[in-house]
């Protein structure tokens, strides 16, 4: 990218890796060619195949993170590295370094805090139909719970502002970290953009670390926890409604018998129905109280976000129009 586009801004490329020796060298070289002034950081997550050595030979700064899981790696990277613009990608070669320039350009011209490179062709990745179906279902679930800001919450190719990186709590331990990033942006109503980019297939010798059912369960659990933390009223109201329906189900025949005969022959059922009703009321009350707490926490996060310095937007040359980002646009339009 031409220096005039970024002024004196520092760009850091972040590459979390686990057993990617077959691809990491080419990935690092690709980013060095496209962003010659950027610092390339590879965080090796206990690889056993020489990933760290290949990254160092390609010219990257290599750090080892002993806690296993992408979330731990991202948390460490965000804490350690100081920059104005951060680009995060995977080390498996499925994201093209040539698209980094457009991610940075969009981040600057649209004054966004996060730009997500949505994946065109992700359903063909290694032929994993379970992954393809899971992507569609989880993205639909995300939009239902947290809003329509994102169409690909699992994309690992993103550009961030310093404000986003230094205000992001990063509590996830695994690859659910991308979902947490998306929820953080939606929760604080941060300016975000999406670019549809080509998604490559892994080369021979490189294998996906994902397990369709095990990791799918982790994502569902993360959705539940993030909903509890960010939308407690909706979370607890849903559970409260389930308990109330169960209570009414047990209560109805007992009441029908009482109005018909004036007797309650199934006292244990009546006691159970009342206990379920009380639990329902307690859950609803907890949701109301915790909703106020969640709003206060969001306000504090927003205040912290606003207190962070941000570099002034870079003005593009007069003969170069700023791109308009829109989900689903062609890669050719973005070039």
Foldseek 3Di string as FASTA:
>chain_A
DDCLQPPPFEEEEEEEDAQQLVFQLVVLLQLCVQPVRYAYEYEYAPHDNCNQVSNVVSPHHYHYDPQDAPLSVLLVCLVPDDTFKYWYAYRQPQDGSNCVVLQVLQCQVVVFFKEFAAEDPPCPAVVPVLVVVLQQVVQVVCCVQQNDPDNGLQGRTMMGGNLLSVLQPRPDGHSLSSVSSVSLCSLLVTGYFYHHDYTHYGDPPDDDPDDSPVVSVVNVVVVLVSCCLQQVLVNLLVVLVVLLVVLCVLVVVQVVVCVVPVDRPPVVSNVSSVVSNVVSVVSNVVSVVSNVVSVVVSVVSNVSSVPDDHDHRRDDDPVDDRDDGDPPDDVVSSD
